Amino acid sequence: MSGSTVFDSAPPDSAPFDRGAIEDALGSSRLYPFWQEDLGSPTFPRLAGAASFDLVVVGGGYTGLWTALQAKQRDPDARVGLVEAKRIGWAASGRNGGFCEASLTHGEVNGASRFPKELAQLTRLGDENLDEIEQTVASLGWDCDFERTGTLSVATEQYQVKELREAHDGQNEIFLDEKAVRAELDSSTYLAGLWSKRATAMVHPGKLARELAKACADAGVEIFERTPVLGLAAGANVELHAGNGTLTADRVALATNAFPSLLKRFRLHTVPVYDYVLMTEPLSAAQLGSIGWGNRQGVADLGNQFHYYRITADNRILWGGYDAIYHYGGRIRRSYEDRRETFERLASHFFVTFPQLDGIRFSNRWAGVIDTSTRFCAFFGRAHGDRVSYAAGFTGLGVAATRFAANVMLDHLSGLTTERTSLEMVRSLPLPFPPEPAAYLGVQATRWALNRADHNGGRRNLLLRTLDAAGLGFDS
């Protein structure tokens, strides 16, 4: 493996596994997130009529749930309401890979390029945030398959080996040569690896959302499902028109992720990007023995169009990433979730990586929408005399960072100046995406350039170098 990439972007019928094998592997898969099956999650009523709160949180994913829970922990007497348009945890919070990573900046490289003066501080705050999540899981007895396994970054191209070797620190970041990495997880595509031992835990995303919702309800948060918020207006109080009722609040936290912000000024600061995932049936003892994976790390390769994968509590393999699909106008539609060509491509790449698992089937396939920002990590906004706070733009790395964002919003809404609110990351905004048709054309051109770089020794062309210089980006 010299200049050419292990994975290609051609259709699966040109890959080492023929179309018949791919179709057989996908044939009985269900178009439904594995994490949301058989959860037994609590259900909550719709809002009907009028209600008044000290704080209303809009959005029932991780950001909203952490915000509501921590608001009650800060002030148990506050009346807190949370409204969700559909079901708690049904969107990104119930569809992600379950990588609960300490990074607040979408990785050290991205953080170093965007916030070099704050990187050490942001790294410490991210580590503390993940430690506090682990402590909360333990102290409240949450059943969410939390495993502090770390991550394994793998080089599948020779030029990537140097990057991993330079990141080695001998303590938390351990470089593995080809023999050592294959002893951890056996794939002939691996040339080297870096085991980041401290910075990541694996979780069951659906169970985490369920446990958060239960903790909120136990703390006295009033939760309303199937209650879409249709508008926001501010006078003496902030008024929200939601479902069949009206909410009045002293303060509002907006946690709407990839969906259009209720604050129009921020609607171009994110674009919704579809990410696709496969889940295998449980591996047998023989299948698991053929690949190893005794330390159960989360795994990602180093391509711009990268794959991420992990093993579940019942020894299934989740396999996702590579394609990142933006639809013209930032549309979010259920029909976009079943993209056959992407699922076939993912299945093909899976078997290129683990040919020893030939014959295994995928039980589930699904897609989810990521709230991508041009700086690849969260940003924060305020409005209406700081009575409304907003966080978005996690770009696919928000399982842990949403808790940090919740604390930032609560600090803002309480009028507090803290270490968090003083960060440049929190005080600054990313550049917005351009309006259509420029956004669509720009995203497609960037995807093409990223794919070309992956096939050309990692060399970034003029378009990518220009975007880098301008602080703009689009993540695969």
Protein backbone atom coordinates (compact mmCIF):
# COMPACT_ATOMS: atom_id res chain seq x y z
CA MET A 1 0.00 0.00 0.00
CA SER A 2 1.92 3.00 -1.21
CA GLY A 3 0.23 5.90 -2.90
CA SER A 4 -3.24 4.46 -3.35
CA THR A 5 -5.82 4.45 -0.60
CA VAL A 6 -7.19 1.22 0.85
CA PHE A 7 -10.74 2.49 0.40
CA ASP A 8 -12.00 3.87 -2.87
CA SER A 9 -15.08 5.89 -3.67
CA ALA A 10 -16.14 3.66 -6.54
CA PRO A 11 -19.33 1.60 -6.26
CA PRO A 12 -19.06 -1.61 -4.25
CA ASP A 13 -19.17 -3.79 -7.37
CA SER A 14 -15.61 -2.62 -8.16
CA ALA A 15 -14.43 -3.46 -4.64
CA PRO A 16 -12.95 -6.82 -3.56
CA PHE A 17 -16.34 -8.08 -2.36
CA ASP A 18 -18.88 -8.56 -5.11
CA ARG A 19 -22.32 -7.00 -5.18
CA GLY A 20 -24.02 -10.28 -4.33
CA ALA A 21 -22.09 -10.57 -1.06
CA ILE A 22 -22.87 -6.96 -0.17
CA GLU A 23 -26.57 -7.37 -0.94
CA ASP A 24 -26.65 -10.55 1.15
CA ALA A 25 -25.02 -8.78 4.10
CA LEU A 26 -27.50 -5.89 3.91
CA GLY A 27 -30.54 -7.86 2.81
CA SER A 28 -32.23 -8.37 6.17
CA SER A 29 -31.10 -5.10 7.79
CA ARG A 30 -33.74 -2.87 9.35
CA LEU A 31 -33.84 0.84 8.55
CA TYR A 32 -33.92 1.86 12.20
CA PRO A 33 -31.33 2.98 14.76
CA PHE A 34 -30.17 -0.01 16.79
CA TRP A 35 -29.81 2.21 19.87
CA GLN A 36 -33.52 3.03 19.91
CA GLU A 37 -34.80 -0.55 19.81
CA ASP A 38 -36.33 -2.07 22.93
CA LEU A 39 -35.32 0.83 25.16
CA GLY A 40 -38.41 0.99 27.28
CA SER A 41 -37.95 4.75 27.53
CA PRO A 42 -40.46 6.80 29.53
CA THR A 43 -43.05 8.77 27.59
CA PHE A 44 -44.06 12.31 28.36
CA PRO A 45 -47.24 14.28 27.59
CA ARG A 46 -47.84 16.91 24.94
CA LEU A 47 -48.12 20.49 26.10
CA ALA A 48 -51.70 21.66 26.24
CA GLY A 49 -52.70 25.16 27.27
CA ALA A 50 -50.43 27.73 28.86
CA ALA A 51 -47.61 27.26 31.34
CA SER A 52 -45.05 29.53 32.96
CA PHE A 53 -41.47 28.60 33.90
CA ASP A 54 -38.28 30.10 35.21
CA LEU A 55 -36.41 28.30 32.41
CA VAL A 56 -37.64 26.61 29.25
CA VAL A 57 -35.27 24.33 27.33
CA VAL A 58 -36.10 23.70 23.66
CA GLY A 59 -34.81 20.35 22.42
CA GLY A 60 -34.82 16.88 23.99
CA GLY A 61 -31.37 15.67 22.95
CA TYR A 62 -28.21 15.62 25.03
CA THR A 63 -27.74 19.40 25.02
CA GLY A 64 -31.26 20.09 26.21
CA LEU A 65 -31.32 17.26 28.75
CA TRP A 66 -27.99 18.24 30.33
CA THR A 67 -29.14 21.87 30.45
CA ALA A 68 -32.40 21.01 32.21
CA LEU A 69 -30.76 18.59 34.65
CA GLN A 70 -27.96 20.95 35.63
CA ALA A 71 -30.38 23.87 35.96
CA LYS A 72 -32.24 21.89 38.62
CA GLN A 73 -28.97 20.89 40.27
CA ARG A 74 -27.96 24.55 40.47
CA ASP A 75 -31.37 25.68 41.74
CA PRO A 76 -33.71 22.87 42.86
CA ASP A 77 -36.52 25.37 43.42
CA ALA A 78 -36.50 26.68 39.83
CA ARG A 79 -39.40 25.64 37.65
CA VAL A 80 -37.83 24.11 34.53
CA GLY A 81 -39.66 22.91 31.45
CA LEU A 82 -38.30 21.02 28.45
CA VAL A 83 -40.11 20.72 25.13
CA GLU A 84 -39.25 18.29 22.33
CA ALA A 85 -40.83 18.26 18.87
CA LYS A 86 -40.88 14.45 18.65
CA ARG A 87 -39.47 12.00 21.21
CA ILE A 88 -36.63 12.41 23.69
CA GLY A 89 -33.35 11.37 22.07
CA TRP A 90 -34.87 10.44 18.70
CA ALA A 91 -32.49 12.52 16.56
CA ALA A 92 -28.67 12.80 16.79
CA SER A 93 -28.61 11.81 20.46
CA GLY A 94 -30.10 8.42 19.62
CA ARG A 95 -28.28 7.85 16.32
CA ASN A 96 -24.59 8.59 16.94
CA GLY A 97 -21.74 6.14 17.35
CA GLY A 98 -21.55 6.43 21.12
CA PHE A 99 -18.05 7.97 21.21
CA CYS A 100 -18.07 10.10 24.35
CA GLU A 101 -14.89 12.11 23.75
CA ALA A 102 -13.24 14.65 26.00
CA SER A 103 -12.34 17.04 23.19
CA LEU A 104 -14.35 20.26 23.06
CA THR A 105 -12.70 21.32 19.80
CA HIS A 106 -13.23 18.29 17.53
CA GLY A 107 -9.75 17.03 18.21
CA GLU A 108 -6.39 18.50 19.13
CA VAL A 109 -5.38 19.41 15.57
CA ASN A 110 -8.54 21.43 14.99
CA GLY A 111 -8.24 23.05 18.42
CA ALA A 112 -4.59 23.97 17.88
CA SER A 113 -5.36 25.65 14.56
CA ARG A 114 -8.35 27.64 15.81
CA PHE A 115 -7.63 28.33 19.49
CA PRO A 116 -3.85 27.89 19.92
CA LYS A 117 -3.59 30.11 23.01
CA GLU A 118 -6.39 28.24 24.78
CA LEU A 119 -5.62 24.68 23.71
CA ALA A 120 -4.14 23.53 27.03
CA GLN A 121 -7.04 25.11 28.93
CA LEU A 122 -9.64 23.62 26.59
CA THR A 123 -8.00 20.21 26.88
CA ARG A 124 -8.12 20.39 30.68
CA LEU A 125 -11.75 21.53 30.69
CA GLY A 126 -12.67 18.75 28.28
CA ASP A 127 -10.95 16.14 30.44
CA GLU A 128 -12.71 17.47 33.54
CA ASN A 129 -16.05 17.42 31.73
CA LEU A 130 -15.62 13.76 30.73
CA ASP A 131 -14.52 12.86 34.26
CA GLU A 132 -17.66 14.53 35.62
CA ILE A 133 -19.84 12.60 33.18
CA GLU A 134 -18.24 9.36 34.39
CA GLN A 135 -18.83 10.41 38.01
CA THR A 136 -22.48 11.22 37.27
CA VAL A 137 -23.02 7.86 35.57
CA ALA A 138 -21.53 6.08 38.59
CA SER A 139 -23.17 8.13 41.33
CA LEU A 140 -26.66 7.99 39.80
CA GLY A 141 -26.31 4.36 38.72
CA TRP A 142 -27.07 5.02 35.08
CA ASP A 143 -27.44 1.96 32.84
CA CYS A 144 -25.81 3.24 29.63
CA ASP A 145 -22.95 0.77 28.91
CA PHE A 146 -20.31 3.35 29.86
CA GLU A 147 -16.77 2.00 29.18
CA ARG A 148 -13.66 4.24 29.48
CA THR A 149 -11.80 2.42 26.68
CA GLY A 150 -10.08 5.26 24.85
CA THR A 151 -9.76 5.45 21.08
CA LEU A 152 -7.51 3.79 18.55
CA SER A 153 -6.56 5.99 15.58
CA VAL A 154 -5.30 3.85 12.70
CA ALA A 155 -3.14 4.72 9.72
CA THR A 156 -4.16 3.03 6.48
CA GLU A 157 -1.73 5.08 4.36
CA GLN A 158 2.00 5.43 4.79
CA TYR A 159 1.89 9.23 5.03
CA GLN A 160 -0.39 8.96 8.08
CA VAL A 161 2.11 6.96 10.16
CA LYS A 162 4.27 10.01 10.88
CA GLU A 163 1.30 11.92 12.31
CA LEU A 164 0.58 9.13 14.77
CA ARG A 165 4.21 8.70 15.79
CA GLU A 166 4.54 12.44 16.50
CA ALA A 167 1.45 12.37 18.75
CA HIS A 168 2.96 9.65 20.97
CA ASP A 169 3.67 10.85 24.53
CA GLY A 170 4.35 7.49 26.17
CA GLN A 171 1.61 7.94 28.79
CA ASN A 172 -1.89 8.67 27.55
CA GLU A 173 -0.99 8.56 23.83
CA ILE A 174 0.68 5.27 22.90
CA PHE A 175 2.12 4.70 19.41
CA LEU A 176 1.67 1.20 18.00
CA ASP A 177 3.63 -0.04 15.00
CA GLU A 178 2.03 -2.33 12.45
CA LYS A 179 2.59 -5.49 14.48
CA ALA A 180 1.40 -3.89 17.72
CA VAL A 181 -1.74 -2.32 16.28
CA ARG A 182 -2.73 -5.58 14.62
CA ALA A 183 -2.28 -7.29 17.97
CA GLU A 184 -4.95 -4.91 19.32
CA LEU A 185 -7.31 -5.23 16.36
CA ASP A 186 -6.35 -7.32 13.36
CA SER A 187 -6.79 -5.72 9.96
CA SER A 188 -4.34 -6.04 7.09
CA THR A 189 -5.18 -2.42 6.20
CA TYR A 190 -3.46 -1.07 9.33
CA LEU A 191 0.07 0.33 9.12
CA ALA A 192 0.21 1.88 12.59
CA GLY A 193 -2.02 3.10 15.40
CA LEU A 194 -2.25 5.52 18.28
CA TRP A 195 -4.10 4.43 21.41
CA SER A 196 -5.42 7.50 23.24
CA LYS A 197 -6.15 5.85 26.55
CA ARG A 198 -7.87 8.52 28.62
CA ALA A 199 -9.84 10.79 26.36
CA THR A 200 -12.80 8.64 25.28
CA ALA A 201 -15.52 6.45 26.71
CA MET A 202 -17.98 4.30 24.82
CA VAL A 203 -21.67 4.62 25.67
CA HIS A 204 -25.02 3.31 24.45
CA PRO A 205 -26.47 6.56 23.04
CA GLY A 206 -30.11 5.63 23.44
CA LYS A 207 -29.66 4.47 27.02
CA LEU A 208 -27.75 7.65 27.86
CA ALA A 209 -30.63 9.79 26.58
CA ARG A 210 -33.10 7.65 28.51
CA GLU A 211 -31.14 7.92 31.76
CA LEU A 212 -30.76 11.68 31.33
CA ALA A 213 -34.52 12.03 30.80
CA LYS A 214 -35.27 9.94 33.89
CA ALA A 215 -32.84 12.02 35.96
CA CYS A 216 -34.48 15.22 34.71
CA ALA A 217 -37.94 13.96 35.60
CA ASP A 218 -36.74 12.79 39.02
CA ALA A 219 -35.27 16.25 39.64
CA GLY A 220 -38.62 17.88 38.84
CA VAL A 221 -38.14 18.97 35.22
CA GLU A 222 -41.49 19.07 33.39
CA ILE A 223 -40.95 17.37 30.03
CA PHE A 224 -43.26 17.66 27.03
CA GLU A 225 -42.87 15.49 23.93
CA ARG A 226 -44.51 15.89 20.50
CA THR A 227 -44.56 19.63 21.18
CA PRO A 228 -42.79 21.51 18.37
CA VAL A 229 -41.89 25.13 19.09
CA LEU A 230 -43.21 27.26 16.25
CA GLY A 231 -42.02 30.69 17.27
CA LEU A 232 -40.30 32.81 19.90
CA ALA A 233 -41.08 36.37 20.95
CA ALA A 234 -39.63 38.48 23.73
CA GLY A 235 -41.40 41.17 25.72
CA ALA A 236 -41.51 41.38 29.47
CA ASN A 237 -40.94 37.61 29.33
CA VAL A 238 -39.93 35.21 26.56
CA GLU A 239 -42.94 33.58 24.96
CA LEU A 240 -42.82 30.34 22.99
CA HIS A 241 -45.64 29.08 20.79
CA ALA A 242 -45.40 25.31 21.13
CA GLY A 243 -47.78 22.63 19.89
CA ASN A 244 -51.23 23.38 21.23
CA GLY A 245 -50.03 25.69 23.96
CA THR A 246 -47.93 28.63 24.99
CA LEU A 247 -44.90 28.72 27.24
CA THR A 248 -43.81 31.82 29.11
CA ALA A 249 -40.34 31.90 30.63
CA ASP A 250 -37.89 34.21 32.31
CA ARG A 251 -35.08 32.50 30.38
CA VAL A 252 -34.83 30.14 27.40
CA ALA A 253 -32.08 27.73 26.33
CA LEU A 254 -32.18 26.65 22.68
CA ALA A 255 -30.76 23.18 22.04
CA THR A 256 -32.06 22.43 18.55
CA ASN A 257 -28.89 20.89 17.05
CA ALA A 258 -29.08 20.62 13.25
CA PHE A 259 -32.61 21.96 13.01
CA PRO A 260 -33.14 25.64 12.09
CA SER A 261 -32.49 27.97 14.99
CA LEU A 262 -35.37 29.97 16.40
CA LEU A 263 -32.87 32.86 16.30
CA LYS A 264 -32.72 33.81 12.62
CA ARG A 265 -29.31 35.46 12.99
CA PHE A 266 -27.73 32.01 13.46
CA ARG A 267 -29.47 30.07 10.70
CA LEU A 268 -26.46 30.17 8.37
CA HIS A 269 -24.01 29.18 11.09
CA THR A 270 -24.78 25.47 10.71
CA VAL A 271 -25.71 23.15 7.88
CA PRO A 272 -27.33 19.72 8.35
CA VAL A 273 -25.16 16.87 7.06
CA TYR A 274 -26.35 13.26 6.86
CA ASP A 275 -24.09 10.60 8.38
CA TYR A 276 -24.72 6.89 7.74
CA VAL A 277 -24.20 3.87 9.98
CA LEU A 278 -24.34 0.07 9.85
CA MET A 279 -24.61 -2.33 12.79
CA THR A 280 -23.70 -6.01 12.52
CA GLU A 281 -25.37 -8.94 14.17
CA PRO A 282 -23.53 -10.11 17.32
CA LEU A 283 -20.16 -11.68 16.60
CA SER A 284 -19.62 -15.30 17.58
CA ALA A 285 -16.68 -16.23 19.79
CA ALA A 286 -14.81 -17.46 16.71
CA GLN A 287 -15.50 -14.27 14.75
CA LEU A 288 -14.42 -12.09 17.66
CA GLY A 289 -11.31 -14.20 18.11
CA SER A 290 -10.38 -13.66 14.46
CA ILE A 291 -10.05 -9.90 14.94
CA GLY A 292 -9.10 -9.52 18.63
CA TRP A 293 -10.26 -6.18 20.05
CA GLY A 294 -9.74 -7.26 23.62
CA ASN A 295 -9.44 -3.66 24.87
CA ARG A 296 -12.64 -2.58 23.06
CA GLN A 297 -11.42 0.85 21.97
CA GLY A 298 -13.38 3.08 19.66
CA VAL A 299 -11.60 3.21 16.30
CA ALA A 300 -11.21 5.79 13.54
CA ASP A 301 -8.94 5.95 10.52
CA LEU A 302 -7.14 9.12 9.48
CA GLY A 303 -8.75 9.87 6.12
CA ASN A 304 -10.53 13.15 5.48
CA GLN A 305 -13.43 10.86 4.59
CA PHE A 306 -12.96 8.69 7.65
CA HIS A 307 -14.61 5.62 9.09
CA TYR A 308 -15.43 5.28 12.78
CA TYR A 309 -16.32 2.02 14.46
CA ARG A 310 -16.72 0.41 17.85
CA ILE A 311 -17.87 -2.78 19.53
CA THR A 312 -21.05 -2.85 21.58
CA ALA A 313 -21.79 -4.49 24.92
CA ASP A 314 -23.26 -7.51 23.10
CA ASN A 315 -20.31 -7.70 20.65
CA ARG A 316 -21.84 -6.15 17.56
CA ILE A 317 -19.73 -3.83 15.41
CA LEU A 318 -21.02 -0.38 14.60
CA TRP A 319 -19.46 0.90 11.35
CA GLY A 320 -20.12 4.44 10.13
CA GLY A 321 -18.79 7.56 8.48
CA TYR A 322 -17.06 8.17 5.13
CA ASP A 323 -19.92 9.76 3.21
CA ALA A 324 -21.25 13.08 4.51
CA ILE A 325 -24.23 14.19 2.47
CA TYR A 326 -25.57 17.73 2.32
CA HIS A 327 -28.83 18.33 0.48
CA TYR A 328 -29.59 21.56 -1.36
CA GLY A 329 -31.19 24.15 0.87
CA GLY A 330 -30.21 22.33 4.05
CA ARG A 331 -33.30 20.16 3.81
CA ILE A 332 -33.98 17.53 6.45
CA ARG A 333 -36.23 14.74 5.23
CA ARG A 334 -36.90 11.21 6.38
CA SER A 335 -36.47 9.92 2.82
CA TYR A 336 -32.78 10.93 2.92
CA GLU A 337 -32.09 8.34 5.62
CA ASP A 338 -32.18 5.34 3.26
CA ARG A 339 -29.30 5.98 0.84
CA ARG A 340 -28.56 2.63 -0.75
CA GLU A 341 -25.30 3.60 -2.44
CA THR A 342 -23.82 4.78 0.85
CA PHE A 343 -24.85 1.67 2.78
CA GLU A 344 -23.35 -0.51 0.04
CA ARG A 345 -20.15 1.51 0.09
CA LEU A 346 -19.90 1.22 3.88
CA ALA A 347 -20.49 -2.54 3.73
CA SER A 348 -17.80 -2.90 1.07
CA HIS A 349 -15.29 -0.95 3.16
CA PHE A 350 -16.18 -3.02 6.22
CA PHE A 351 -15.24 -6.24 4.46
CA VAL A 352 -12.06 -4.72 3.01
CA THR A 353 -11.06 -3.93 6.60
CA PHE A 354 -12.17 -7.25 8.10
CA PRO A 355 -12.26 -9.92 5.36
CA GLN A 356 -12.14 -12.56 8.10
CA LEU A 357 -15.74 -11.57 8.91
CA ASP A 358 -17.01 -12.52 5.44
CA GLY A 359 -20.54 -13.84 5.81
CA ILE A 360 -21.59 -11.68 8.73
CA ARG A 361 -24.84 -9.76 8.27
CA PHE A 362 -25.92 -6.27 9.24
CA SER A 363 -28.96 -6.11 11.50
CA ASN A 364 -29.54 -2.33 11.28
CA ARG A 365 -28.81 0.57 8.99
CA TRP A 366 -29.67 4.19 9.67
CA ALA A 367 -28.73 7.82 9.19
CA GLY A 368 -28.65 10.92 11.35
CA VAL A 369 -28.20 14.64 10.83
CA ILE A 370 -25.07 16.39 12.13
CA ASP A 371 -25.06 20.13 12.88
CA THR A 372 -21.88 21.12 11.07
CA SER A 373 -20.25 24.50 11.68
CA THR A 374 -17.38 26.00 9.70
CA ARG A 375 -15.00 25.62 12.64
CA PHE A 376 -16.03 21.99 13.36
CA CYS A 377 -16.94 22.59 17.01
CA ALA A 378 -19.66 24.21 19.08
CA PHE A 379 -20.42 27.91 19.17
CA PHE A 380 -22.63 29.95 21.46
CA GLY A 381 -25.05 32.82 20.98
CA ARG A 382 -27.27 35.06 23.09
CA ALA A 383 -30.29 37.22 22.32
CA HIS A 384 -33.08 39.31 23.84
CA GLY A 385 -31.04 40.90 26.60
CA ASP A 386 -29.24 37.65 27.37
CA ARG A 387 -32.50 35.98 28.33
CA VAL A 388 -32.10 33.50 25.45
CA SER A 389 -29.00 31.35 25.02
CA TYR A 390 -28.10 29.07 22.13
CA ALA A 391 -25.51 26.35 21.46
CA ALA A 392 -24.97 24.39 18.24
CA GLY A 393 -22.37 23.30 15.69
CA PHE A 394 -20.90 20.23 17.43
CA THR A 395 -20.10 18.64 14.04
CA GLY A 396 -20.50 15.05 15.13
CA LEU A 397 -18.45 15.22 18.34
CA GLY A 398 -21.03 16.33 20.86
CA VAL A 399 -21.84 13.38 23.11
CA ALA A 400 -19.67 14.79 25.90
CA ALA A 401 -19.30 18.38 24.67
CA THR A 402 -23.06 18.96 25.00
CA ARG A 403 -22.71 18.84 28.79
CA PHE A 404 -20.04 21.54 28.67
CA ALA A 405 -22.28 23.57 26.34
CA ALA A 406 -25.17 23.22 28.77
CA ASN A 407 -23.05 24.76 31.51
CA VAL A 408 -22.03 27.62 29.23
CA MET A 409 -25.67 28.40 28.46
CA LEU A 410 -26.62 28.29 32.12
CA ASP A 411 -23.73 30.60 32.98
CA HIS A 412 -24.91 33.03 30.32
CA LEU A 413 -28.52 32.90 31.44
CA SER A 414 -27.47 33.49 35.05
CA GLY A 415 -25.34 36.49 34.10
CA LEU A 416 -22.18 34.79 35.37
CA THR A 417 -18.64 35.43 34.20
CA THR A 418 -16.81 32.12 34.54
CA GLU A 419 -13.76 30.42 33.13
CA ARG A 420 -16.05 28.87 30.53
CA THR A 421 -17.69 32.10 29.40
CA SER A 422 -14.33 33.87 29.21
CA LEU A 423 -12.97 31.49 26.56
CA GLU A 424 -12.35 32.83 23.08
CA MET A 425 -14.09 29.70 21.83
CA VAL A 426 -17.23 30.77 23.70
CA ARG A 427 -16.98 34.50 22.96
CA SER A 428 -16.33 34.15 19.21
CA LEU A 429 -18.53 32.93 16.37
CA PRO A 430 -17.55 30.84 13.36
CA LEU A 431 -18.00 32.26 9.90
CA PRO A 432 -21.47 31.46 8.54
CA PHE A 433 -22.01 29.29 5.51
CA PRO A 434 -22.97 31.24 2.39
CA PRO A 435 -26.61 31.22 1.20
CA GLU A 436 -27.74 28.94 -1.63
CA PRO A 437 -26.72 28.08 -4.25
CA ALA A 438 -23.21 28.91 -3.03
CA ALA A 439 -23.51 26.66 0.04
CA TYR A 440 -24.40 23.58 -2.00
CA LEU A 441 -21.77 24.20 -4.66
CA GLY A 442 -19.13 24.91 -2.02
CA VAL A 443 -19.90 21.76 -0.05
CA GLN A 444 -19.78 19.57 -3.16
CA ALA A 445 -16.50 21.10 -4.29
CA THR A 446 -15.02 20.60 -0.83
CA ARG A 447 -16.14 16.96 -0.68
CA TRP A 448 -14.49 16.37 -4.06
CA ALA A 449 -11.28 18.01 -2.85
CA LEU A 450 -11.23 15.99 0.37
CA ASN A 451 -11.69 12.77 -1.57
CA ARG A 452 -8.87 13.79 -3.93
CA ALA A 453 -6.56 14.50 -0.97
CA ASP A 454 -7.28 11.05 0.48
CA HIS A 455 -6.19 9.53 -2.82
CA ASN A 456 -3.14 11.77 -3.22
CA GLY A 457 -0.99 11.20 -0.16
CA GLY A 458 -2.98 13.66 1.96
CA ARG A 459 -1.90 16.64 -0.14
CA ARG A 460 -4.47 19.43 0.06
CA ASN A 461 -5.20 21.34 -3.13
CA LEU A 462 -5.62 25.10 -3.57
CA LEU A 463 -9.31 25.02 -2.59
CA LEU A 464 -8.63 23.26 0.72
CA ARG A 465 -5.62 25.44 1.50
CA THR A 466 -7.73 28.54 0.83
CA LEU A 467 -10.51 27.30 3.12
CA ASP A 468 -7.92 26.48 5.80
CA ALA A 469 -6.51 29.99 5.60
CA ALA A 470 -9.99 31.53 5.84
CA GLY A 471 -11.00 29.39 8.80
CA LEU A 472 -13.72 27.68 6.81
CA GLY A 473 -14.33 24.00 6.49
CA PHE A 474 -16.65 21.11 5.89
CA ASP A 475 -16.12 17.89 7.80
CA SER A 476 -16.76 14.47 6.35
